[in-house]
């Protein structure tokens, strides 16, 4: 093959990565290219619901003590799924015009939904603490994954956008009260 042609090994690998990441971006981002949920989005919503049920059931001490290994397995299983999703979202966010470039990626990392995603997976990485209060707090934080379903709701998105637009006024009102 000639140098610089489409058969160039390095160029074809990079091109394949671009195609794969763009496909992942389309699968993860509802409503940008199609109006139906992709299989990946359905799987993530199902995982969010099941992991939230597991977290709720886990708060019952008798059930937790009898099934501790199951709950540990679930924590790591769902943690792996949501961490992978988080990393893929950060890696592919540049396909959105809003988040192109380094500053766009940083803006994405500090956006509301991405911070919710981070809060949902954070307890996986902050474990080994035996104090009851902190464990309950981490379980509560894990329920943030349920809020992540709101990413797929246009009505909730509109409400949160309105709150975000008026956040300074809201913070001021809360501070006064």
N, C-alpha and C. Protein backbone atom coordinates (compact mmCIF):
# COMPACT_ATOMS: atom_id res chain seq x y z
N UNK A 1 0.82 -1.21 0.00
CA UNK A 1 0.00 0.00 0.00
C UNK A 1 0.86 1.26 0.00
N UNK A 2 0.35 2.28 -0.65
CA UNK A 2 1.06 3.56 -0.71
C UNK A 2 0.96 4.28 0.63
N UNK A 3 2.00 5.07 0.93
CA UNK A 3 1.97 5.88 2.16
C UNK A 3 0.86 6.91 2.06
N UNK A 4 0.17 7.10 3.22
CA UNK A 4 -0.87 8.11 3.28
C UNK A 4 -2.20 7.66 2.69
N UNK A 5 -2.23 6.43 2.14
CA UNK A 5 -3.50 5.96 1.59
C UNK A 5 -4.40 5.45 2.71
N UNK A 6 -5.62 5.13 2.37
CA UNK A 6 -6.57 4.62 3.36
C UNK A 6 -6.15 3.27 3.91
N UNK A 7 -5.23 2.60 3.23
CA UNK A 7 -4.75 1.31 3.70
C UNK A 7 -3.63 1.46 4.73
N UNK A 8 -3.23 2.69 5.01
CA UNK A 8 -2.20 2.96 6.00
C UNK A 8 -2.66 2.42 7.34
N UNK A 9 -1.85 1.55 7.95
CA UNK A 9 -2.23 0.85 9.18
C UNK A 9 -2.57 1.82 10.31
N UNK A 10 -1.71 2.80 10.56
CA UNK A 10 -1.94 3.77 11.63
C UNK A 10 -3.18 4.60 11.41
N UNK A 11 -3.37 5.06 10.18
CA UNK A 11 -4.54 5.87 9.85
C UNK A 11 -5.83 5.09 9.97
N UNK A 12 -5.81 3.81 9.58
CA UNK A 12 -7.04 3.03 9.64
C UNK A 12 -7.43 2.71 11.09
N UNK A 13 -6.46 2.52 11.96
CA UNK A 13 -6.78 2.26 13.37
C UNK A 13 -7.38 3.51 14.01
N UNK A 14 -6.79 4.65 13.75
CA UNK A 14 -7.32 5.91 14.30
C UNK A 14 -8.73 6.14 13.76
N UNK A 15 -8.93 5.90 12.47
CA UNK A 15 -10.25 6.09 11.87
C UNK A 15 -11.27 5.16 12.51
N UNK A 16 -10.88 3.92 12.79
CA UNK A 16 -11.79 2.96 13.43
C UNK A 16 -12.15 3.41 14.84
N UNK A 17 -11.18 3.93 15.58
CA UNK A 17 -11.46 4.46 16.92
C UNK A 17 -12.45 5.62 16.85
N UNK A 18 -12.26 6.49 15.88
CA UNK A 18 -13.16 7.64 15.72
C UNK A 18 -14.59 7.15 15.45
N UNK A 19 -14.71 6.17 14.58
CA UNK A 19 -16.03 5.62 14.25
C UNK A 19 -16.66 4.96 15.48
N UNK A 20 -15.88 4.18 16.22
CA UNK A 20 -16.39 3.50 17.41
C UNK A 20 -16.81 4.52 18.47
N UNK A 21 -15.98 5.52 18.74
CA UNK A 21 -16.33 6.53 19.76
C UNK A 21 -17.55 7.34 19.34
N UNK A 22 -17.66 7.66 18.06
CA UNK A 22 -18.83 8.40 17.60
C UNK A 22 -20.09 7.55 17.76
N UNK A 23 -19.99 6.27 17.49
CA UNK A 23 -21.12 5.37 17.67
C UNK A 23 -21.50 5.27 19.14
N UNK A 24 -20.51 5.19 20.01
CA UNK A 24 -20.77 5.14 21.46
C UNK A 24 -21.44 6.43 21.90
N UNK A 25 -20.96 7.56 21.41
CA UNK A 25 -21.56 8.85 21.74
C UNK A 25 -23.04 8.87 21.36
N UNK A 26 -23.36 8.40 20.15
CA UNK A 26 -24.75 8.38 19.70
C UNK A 26 -25.59 7.44 20.56
N UNK A 27 -25.01 6.32 20.98
CA UNK A 27 -25.73 5.36 21.82
C UNK A 27 -26.01 5.94 23.21
N UNK A 28 -25.09 6.73 23.74
CA UNK A 28 -25.22 7.27 25.09
C UNK A 28 -26.10 8.51 25.18
N UNK A 29 -26.25 9.24 24.10
CA UNK A 29 -26.91 10.55 24.15
C UNK A 29 -28.26 10.51 23.47
N UNK A 30 -29.28 10.48 24.29
CA UNK A 30 -30.67 10.39 23.83
C UNK A 30 -31.11 11.66 23.14
N UNK A 31 -31.82 11.50 22.03
CA UNK A 31 -32.49 12.62 21.39
C UNK A 31 -31.64 13.44 20.44
N UNK A 32 -30.35 13.18 20.36
CA UNK A 32 -29.53 13.99 19.45
C UNK A 32 -29.59 13.48 18.02
N UNK A 33 -29.64 12.14 17.88
CA UNK A 33 -29.70 11.63 16.52
C UNK A 33 -30.99 10.88 16.23
N UNK A 34 -31.67 10.42 17.28
CA UNK A 34 -32.95 9.73 17.11
C UNK A 34 -33.77 9.90 18.38
N UNK A 35 -35.06 9.62 18.28
CA UNK A 35 -35.96 9.86 19.41
C UNK A 35 -36.23 8.61 20.24
N UNK A 36 -35.76 7.47 19.81
CA UNK A 36 -35.98 6.24 20.57
C UNK A 36 -34.75 5.93 21.41
N UNK A 37 -34.97 5.24 22.52
CA UNK A 37 -33.85 4.83 23.36
C UNK A 37 -33.04 3.75 22.64
N UNK A 38 -31.73 3.84 22.73
CA UNK A 38 -30.87 2.79 22.18
C UNK A 38 -30.84 1.63 23.16
N UNK A 39 -30.33 0.51 22.71
CA UNK A 39 -30.20 -0.65 23.59
C UNK A 39 -29.34 -0.30 24.80
N UNK A 40 -28.25 0.44 24.57
CA UNK A 40 -27.36 0.83 25.66
C UNK A 40 -28.09 1.70 26.68
N UNK A 41 -28.90 2.63 26.22
CA UNK A 41 -29.65 3.49 27.14
C UNK A 41 -30.67 2.67 27.94
N UNK A 42 -31.35 1.74 27.29
CA UNK A 42 -32.29 0.87 27.99
C UNK A 42 -31.57 0.05 29.05
N UNK A 43 -30.40 -0.48 28.69
CA UNK A 43 -29.60 -1.26 29.64
C UNK A 43 -29.19 -0.40 30.83
N UNK A 44 -28.77 0.84 30.58
CA UNK A 44 -28.34 1.73 31.66
C UNK A 44 -29.50 2.10 32.57
N UNK A 45 -30.67 2.37 32.00
CA UNK A 45 -31.85 2.69 32.81
C UNK A 45 -32.23 1.49 33.67
N UNK A 46 -32.22 0.31 33.07
CA UNK A 46 -32.52 -0.92 33.82
C UNK A 46 -31.50 -1.11 34.95
N UNK A 47 -30.23 -0.88 34.66
CA UNK A 47 -29.17 -1.02 35.67
C UNK A 47 -29.35 -0.02 36.80
N UNK A 48 -29.73 1.20 36.47
CA UNK A 48 -29.96 2.24 37.49
C UNK A 48 -31.09 1.82 38.41
N UNK A 49 -32.19 1.33 37.84
CA UNK A 49 -33.34 0.92 38.65
C UNK A 49 -32.97 -0.27 39.54
N UNK A 50 -32.34 -1.29 38.97
CA UNK A 50 -31.97 -2.48 39.76
C UNK A 50 -30.97 -2.12 40.85
N UNK A 51 -29.97 -1.30 40.53
CA UNK A 51 -28.97 -0.94 41.55
C UNK A 51 -29.61 -0.12 42.67
N UNK A 52 -30.59 0.72 42.32
CA UNK A 52 -31.28 1.50 43.34
C UNK A 52 -32.11 0.60 44.26
N UNK A 53 -32.76 -0.40 43.69
CA UNK A 53 -33.52 -1.36 44.50
C UNK A 53 -32.57 -2.11 45.43
N UNK A 54 -31.42 -2.52 44.90
CA UNK A 54 -30.43 -3.23 45.72
C UNK A 54 -29.96 -2.35 46.88
N UNK A 55 -29.71 -1.08 46.61
CA UNK A 55 -29.26 -0.16 47.66
C UNK A 55 -30.33 0.01 48.73
N UNK A 56 -31.59 0.10 48.31
CA UNK A 56 -32.69 0.24 49.27
C UNK A 56 -32.82 -1.01 50.12
N UNK A 57 -32.80 -2.19 49.50
CA UNK A 57 -32.92 -3.45 50.24
C UNK A 57 -31.73 -3.63 51.18
N UNK A 58 -30.57 -3.18 50.74
CA UNK A 58 -29.34 -3.31 51.53
C UNK A 58 -29.43 -2.56 52.86
N UNK A 59 -30.27 -1.55 52.94
CA UNK A 59 -30.37 -0.77 54.18
C UNK A 59 -31.05 -1.55 55.30
N UNK A 60 -31.75 -2.64 54.96
CA UNK A 60 -32.35 -3.51 55.98
C UNK A 60 -31.24 -4.40 56.53
N UNK A 61 -30.88 -4.16 57.79
CA UNK A 61 -29.70 -4.79 58.38
C UNK A 61 -29.74 -6.32 58.35
N UNK A 62 -30.90 -6.93 58.68
CA UNK A 62 -30.99 -8.39 58.69
C UNK A 62 -30.73 -8.97 57.30
N UNK A 63 -31.33 -8.35 56.29
CA UNK A 63 -31.13 -8.82 54.92
C UNK A 63 -29.68 -8.63 54.50
N UNK A 64 -29.12 -7.49 54.85
CA UNK A 64 -27.72 -7.21 54.49
C UNK A 64 -26.78 -8.23 55.11
N UNK A 65 -26.95 -8.52 56.40
CA UNK A 65 -26.05 -9.46 57.08
C UNK A 65 -26.14 -10.87 56.50
N UNK A 66 -27.33 -11.29 56.09
CA UNK A 66 -27.50 -12.63 55.52
C UNK A 66 -26.96 -12.73 54.09
N UNK A 67 -26.89 -11.60 53.40
CA UNK A 67 -26.51 -11.61 51.97
C UNK A 67 -25.37 -10.64 51.68
N UNK A 68 -24.46 -10.52 52.60
CA UNK A 68 -23.39 -9.53 52.48
C UNK A 68 -22.57 -9.72 51.20
N UNK A 69 -22.25 -10.95 50.86
CA UNK A 69 -21.47 -11.20 49.64
C UNK A 69 -22.21 -10.76 48.39
N UNK A 70 -23.52 -11.01 48.35
CA UNK A 70 -24.34 -10.59 47.21
C UNK A 70 -24.30 -9.08 47.04
N UNK A 71 -24.45 -8.36 48.16
CA UNK A 71 -24.45 -6.90 48.08
C UNK A 71 -23.08 -6.35 47.68
N UNK A 72 -22.02 -6.99 48.14
CA UNK A 72 -20.67 -6.58 47.73
C UNK A 72 -20.49 -6.81 46.23
N UNK A 73 -20.93 -7.97 45.76
CA UNK A 73 -20.84 -8.27 44.33
C UNK A 73 -21.61 -7.23 43.52
N UNK A 74 -22.84 -6.94 43.95
CA UNK A 74 -23.66 -5.94 43.24
C UNK A 74 -22.98 -4.58 43.23
N UNK A 75 -22.38 -4.19 44.35
CA UNK A 75 -21.71 -2.89 44.42
C UNK A 75 -20.62 -2.79 43.36
N UNK A 76 -19.80 -3.85 43.24
CA UNK A 76 -18.72 -3.81 42.27
C UNK A 76 -19.23 -3.98 40.83
N UNK A 77 -20.25 -4.81 40.65
CA UNK A 77 -20.82 -5.02 39.32
C UNK A 77 -21.40 -3.72 38.77
N UNK A 78 -22.29 -3.09 39.56
CA UNK A 78 -22.89 -1.84 39.09
C UNK A 78 -21.87 -0.71 39.08
N UNK A 79 -20.94 -0.74 40.00
CA UNK A 79 -19.87 0.25 40.00
C UNK A 79 -19.05 0.19 38.72
N UNK A 80 -18.78 -1.03 38.25
CA UNK A 80 -18.04 -1.20 36.99
C UNK A 80 -18.84 -0.65 35.82
N UNK A 81 -20.14 -0.97 35.78
CA UNK A 81 -21.00 -0.50 34.69
C UNK A 81 -21.04 1.03 34.67
N UNK A 82 -21.30 1.64 35.83
CA UNK A 82 -21.47 3.10 35.87
C UNK A 82 -20.15 3.84 35.71
N UNK A 83 -19.06 3.25 36.18
CA UNK A 83 -17.74 3.87 35.97
C UNK A 83 -17.38 3.84 34.49
N UNK A 84 -17.65 2.70 33.84
CA UNK A 84 -17.40 2.59 32.40
C UNK A 84 -18.24 3.60 31.63
N UNK A 85 -19.52 3.73 32.01
CA UNK A 85 -20.38 4.71 31.35
C UNK A 85 -19.83 6.12 31.54
N UNK A 86 -19.44 6.44 32.78
CA UNK A 86 -18.90 7.78 33.09
C UNK A 86 -17.67 8.07 32.21
N UNK A 87 -16.75 7.13 32.17
CA UNK A 87 -15.53 7.33 31.38
C UNK A 87 -15.84 7.45 29.89
N UNK A 88 -16.77 6.64 29.39
CA UNK A 88 -17.14 6.73 27.98
C UNK A 88 -17.80 8.07 27.67
N UNK A 89 -18.62 8.56 28.58
CA UNK A 89 -19.26 9.87 28.37
C UNK A 89 -18.20 10.98 28.31
N UNK A 90 -17.21 10.92 29.21
CA UNK A 90 -16.15 11.94 29.21
C UNK A 90 -15.30 11.82 27.95
N UNK A 91 -15.00 10.59 27.54
CA UNK A 91 -14.18 10.40 26.34
C UNK A 91 -14.89 10.85 25.06
N UNK A 92 -16.22 10.69 25.01
CA UNK A 92 -16.94 10.98 23.78
C UNK A 92 -17.68 12.32 23.78
N UNK A 93 -17.62 13.06 24.85
CA UNK A 93 -18.39 14.31 24.93
C UNK A 93 -17.95 15.32 23.87
N UNK A 94 -16.75 15.22 23.37
CA UNK A 94 -16.25 16.15 22.36
C UNK A 94 -16.99 16.08 21.04
N UNK A 95 -17.81 15.04 20.84
CA UNK A 95 -18.61 14.95 19.62
C UNK A 95 -19.78 15.93 19.65
N UNK A 96 -20.07 16.48 20.81
CA UNK A 96 -21.08 17.52 20.91
C UNK A 96 -20.38 18.87 20.70
N UNK A 97 -20.95 19.73 19.89
CA UNK A 97 -20.33 21.03 19.62
C UNK A 97 -20.12 21.82 20.92
N UNK A 98 -21.03 21.61 21.86
CA UNK A 98 -21.00 22.33 23.13
C UNK A 98 -19.76 21.98 23.97
N UNK A 99 -19.23 20.76 23.78
CA UNK A 99 -18.13 20.29 24.63
C UNK A 99 -16.86 19.96 23.86
N UNK A 100 -16.64 20.60 22.72
CA UNK A 100 -15.44 20.33 21.95
C UNK A 100 -14.23 21.00 22.57
N UNK A 101 -13.08 20.39 22.39
CA UNK A 101 -11.83 20.92 22.91
C UNK A 101 -11.65 20.65 24.39
N UNK A 102 -10.50 21.05 24.92
CA UNK A 102 -10.18 20.81 26.32
C UNK A 102 -11.11 21.57 27.25
N UNK A 103 -11.37 22.84 26.95
CA UNK A 103 -12.26 23.62 27.82
C UNK A 103 -13.69 23.08 27.77
N UNK A 104 -14.11 22.58 26.62
CA UNK A 104 -15.42 21.96 26.50
C UNK A 104 -15.53 20.70 27.33
N UNK A 105 -14.48 19.90 27.31
CA UNK A 105 -14.45 18.66 28.10
C UNK A 105 -14.49 18.99 29.60
N UNK A 106 -13.76 20.00 30.01
CA UNK A 106 -13.77 20.42 31.42
C UNK A 106 -15.16 20.93 31.79
N UNK A 107 -15.77 21.69 30.89
CA UNK A 107 -17.14 22.17 31.12
C UNK A 107 -18.09 20.99 31.27
N UNK A 108 -17.90 19.95 30.47
CA UNK A 108 -18.74 18.76 30.55
C UNK A 108 -18.56 18.05 31.89
N UNK A 109 -17.32 17.89 32.32
CA UNK A 109 -17.03 17.19 33.58
C UNK A 109 -17.71 17.88 34.76
N UNK A 110 -17.83 19.20 34.71
CA UNK A 110 -18.45 19.94 35.81
C UNK A 110 -19.92 20.29 35.54
N UNK A 111 -20.52 19.67 34.53
CA UNK A 111 -21.95 19.89 34.28
C UNK A 111 -22.77 19.10 35.30
N UNK A 112 -24.03 19.49 35.46
CA UNK A 112 -24.90 18.90 36.49
C UNK A 112 -24.98 17.39 36.40
N UNK A 113 -25.35 16.86 35.21
CA UNK A 113 -25.55 15.42 35.08
C UNK A 113 -24.26 14.64 35.25
N UNK A 114 -23.15 15.19 34.81
CA UNK A 114 -21.87 14.50 34.97
C UNK A 114 -21.47 14.45 36.43
N UNK A 115 -21.75 15.52 37.18
CA UNK A 115 -21.48 15.51 38.62
C UNK A 115 -22.38 14.50 39.33
N UNK A 116 -23.63 14.37 38.90
CA UNK A 116 -24.53 13.34 39.47
C UNK A 116 -23.95 11.96 39.19
N UNK A 117 -23.48 11.74 37.96
CA UNK A 117 -22.85 10.46 37.62
C UNK A 117 -21.67 10.18 38.54
N UNK A 118 -20.85 11.20 38.77
CA UNK A 118 -19.68 11.04 39.62
C UNK A 118 -20.09 10.74 41.06
N UNK A 119 -21.09 11.45 41.58
CA UNK A 119 -21.58 11.18 42.93
C UNK A 119 -22.13 9.76 43.06
N UNK A 120 -22.71 9.25 41.99
CA UNK A 120 -23.29 7.91 42.02
C UNK A 120 -22.21 6.83 42.10
N UNK A 121 -21.04 7.07 41.51
CA UNK A 121 -19.98 6.05 41.53
C UNK A 121 -18.95 6.29 42.61
N UNK A 122 -18.94 7.47 43.19
CA UNK A 122 -17.94 7.81 44.21
C UNK A 122 -17.86 6.82 45.38
N UNK A 123 -18.98 6.33 45.91
CA UNK A 123 -18.90 5.40 47.05
C UNK A 123 -18.12 4.13 46.74
N UNK A 124 -18.07 3.73 45.48
CA UNK A 124 -17.30 2.55 45.11
C UNK A 124 -15.81 2.75 45.42
N UNK A 125 -15.34 3.96 45.24
CA UNK A 125 -13.93 4.25 45.40
C UNK A 125 -13.58 4.71 46.81
N UNK A 126 -14.60 5.04 47.61
CA UNK A 126 -14.37 5.46 48.99
C UNK A 126 -15.00 4.40 49.88
N UNK A 127 -14.35 3.26 49.98
CA UNK A 127 -14.88 2.19 50.81
C UNK A 127 -13.86 1.80 51.86
N UNK A 128 -14.26 0.90 52.72
CA UNK A 128 -13.38 0.47 53.80
C UNK A 128 -13.59 1.24 55.08
N UNK A 129 -14.58 2.14 55.08
CA UNK A 129 -14.90 2.91 56.28
C UNK A 129 -15.92 2.13 57.09
N UNK A 130 -15.69 1.96 58.39
CA UNK A 130 -16.59 1.16 59.20
C UNK A 130 -17.56 1.98 60.04
N UNK A 131 -17.49 3.27 59.98
CA UNK A 131 -18.39 4.08 60.79
C UNK A 131 -19.79 4.06 60.17
N UNK A 132 -20.79 3.79 61.00
CA UNK A 132 -22.17 3.62 60.55
C UNK A 132 -22.69 4.84 59.81
N UNK A 133 -22.44 6.04 60.32
CA UNK A 133 -22.94 7.25 59.69
C UNK A 133 -22.39 7.39 58.27
N UNK A 134 -21.09 7.19 58.10
CA UNK A 134 -20.50 7.33 56.77
C UNK A 134 -21.03 6.27 55.81
N UNK A 135 -21.24 5.06 56.30
CA UNK A 135 -21.78 4.02 55.42
C UNK A 135 -23.18 4.38 54.96
N UNK A 136 -24.00 4.90 55.86
CA UNK A 136 -25.35 5.32 55.47
C UNK A 136 -25.29 6.48 54.49
N UNK A 137 -24.37 7.40 54.72
CA UNK A 137 -24.21 8.52 53.81
C UNK A 137 -23.81 8.03 52.42
N UNK A 138 -22.88 7.08 52.36
CA UNK A 138 -22.46 6.55 51.06
C UNK A 138 -23.59 5.81 50.37
N UNK A 139 -24.43 5.09 51.13
CA UNK A 139 -25.58 4.42 50.53
C UNK A 139 -26.56 5.44 49.97
N UNK A 140 -26.74 6.54 50.70
CA UNK A 140 -27.61 7.60 50.21
C UNK A 140 -27.05 8.20 48.92
N UNK A 141 -25.76 8.42 48.90
CA UNK A 141 -25.13 8.96 47.70
C UNK A 141 -25.29 8.00 46.52
N UNK A 142 -25.24 6.70 46.79
CA UNK A 142 -25.43 5.71 45.72
C UNK A 142 -26.82 5.82 45.11
N UNK A 143 -27.80 6.32 45.88
CA UNK A 143 -29.14 6.51 45.33
C UNK A 143 -29.18 7.64 44.30
N UNK A 144 -28.11 8.44 44.24
CA UNK A 144 -28.04 9.48 43.22
C UNK A 144 -28.12 8.86 41.83
N UNK A 145 -27.76 7.59 41.72
CA UNK A 145 -27.86 6.95 40.40
C UNK A 145 -29.30 6.93 39.91
N UNK A 146 -30.27 6.90 40.83
CA UNK A 146 -31.67 6.94 40.43
C UNK A 146 -32.01 8.28 39.78
N UNK A 147 -31.41 9.34 40.28
CA UNK A 147 -31.63 10.67 39.71
C UNK A 147 -31.14 10.71 38.26
N UNK A 148 -30.17 9.85 37.94
CA UNK A 148 -29.58 9.85 36.61
C UNK A 148 -30.61 9.52 35.53
N UNK A 149 -31.71 8.85 35.91
CA UNK A 149 -32.75 8.56 34.93
C UNK A 149 -33.31 9.87 34.39
N UNK A 150 -33.27 10.90 35.20
CA UNK A 150 -33.75 12.21 34.77
C UNK A 150 -33.04 12.73 33.55
N UNK A 151 -31.85 12.23 33.27
CA UNK A 151 -31.11 12.61 32.06
C UNK A 151 -31.95 12.34 30.83
N UNK A 152 -32.84 11.34 30.91
CA UNK A 152 -33.64 10.93 29.76
C UNK A 152 -35.02 11.56 29.74
N UNK A 153 -35.33 12.43 30.69
CA UNK A 153 -36.65 13.06 30.77
C UNK A 153 -36.56 14.51 30.33
N UNK A 154 -37.26 14.85 29.26
CA UNK A 154 -37.25 16.23 28.77
C UNK A 154 -37.88 17.19 29.77
N UNK A 155 -38.96 16.75 30.44
CA UNK A 155 -39.63 17.63 31.41
C UNK A 155 -38.70 17.94 32.56
N UNK A 156 -38.04 16.93 33.10
CA UNK A 156 -37.11 17.16 34.20
C UNK A 156 -35.94 18.02 33.74
N UNK A 157 -35.50 17.80 32.53
CA UNK A 157 -34.40 18.60 31.99
C UNK A 157 -34.80 20.08 31.91
N UNK A 158 -36.02 20.35 31.47
CA UNK A 158 -36.50 21.73 31.38
C UNK A 158 -36.57 22.39 32.76
N UNK A 159 -37.06 21.64 33.76
CA UNK A 159 -37.14 22.17 35.13
C UNK A 159 -35.73 22.46 35.65
N UNK A 160 -34.82 21.53 35.46
CA UNK A 160 -33.45 21.73 35.96
C UNK A 160 -32.75 22.87 35.22
N UNK A 161 -33.03 23.03 33.93
CA UNK A 161 -32.45 24.16 33.19
C UNK A 161 -32.97 25.49 33.75
N UNK A 162 -34.27 25.52 34.09
CA UNK A 162 -34.85 26.74 34.67
C UNK A 162 -34.22 27.03 36.02
N UNK A 163 -34.02 26.00 36.83
CA UNK A 163 -33.37 26.17 38.14
C UNK A 163 -31.93 26.64 37.95
N UNK A 164 -31.25 26.05 36.99
CA UNK A 164 -29.86 26.44 36.71
C UNK A 164 -29.77 27.89 36.27
N UNK A 165 -30.73 28.33 35.44
CA UNK A 165 -30.74 29.72 34.98
C UNK A 165 -30.93 30.70 36.13
N UNK A 166 -31.64 30.29 37.16
CA UNK A 166 -31.96 31.17 38.29
C UNK A 166 -31.23 30.76 39.58
N UNK A 167 -30.15 29.99 39.44
CA UNK A 167 -29.50 29.46 40.64
C UNK A 167 -28.95 30.54 41.56
N UNK A 168 -28.45 31.64 41.02
CA UNK A 168 -27.93 32.69 41.89
C UNK A 168 -29.04 33.31 42.73
N UNK A 169 -30.19 33.54 42.12
CA UNK A 169 -31.32 34.09 42.87
C UNK A 169 -31.80 33.10 43.93
N UNK A 170 -31.82 31.81 43.58
CA UNK A 170 -32.26 30.77 44.51
C UNK A 170 -31.30 30.65 45.69
N UNK A 171 -30.01 30.68 45.41
CA UNK A 171 -29.01 30.59 46.48
C UNK A 171 -29.13 31.80 47.41
N UNK A 172 -29.35 32.98 46.84
CA UNK A 172 -29.51 34.17 47.64
C UNK A 172 -30.76 34.06 48.52
N UNK A 173 -31.87 33.56 47.96
CA UNK A 173 -33.12 33.40 48.73
C UNK A 173 -32.94 32.39 49.85
N UNK A 174 -32.23 31.29 49.59
CA UNK A 174 -32.00 30.28 50.60
C UNK A 174 -31.08 30.84 51.70
N UNK A 175 -30.09 31.62 51.30
CA UNK A 175 -29.16 32.20 52.27
C UNK A 175 -29.89 33.18 53.20
N UNK A 176 -30.82 33.95 52.65
CA UNK A 176 -31.57 34.91 53.47
C UNK A 176 -32.48 34.19 54.45
N UNK A 177 -33.11 33.12 53.99
CA UNK A 177 -34.04 32.41 54.87
C UNK A 177 -33.26 31.55 55.81
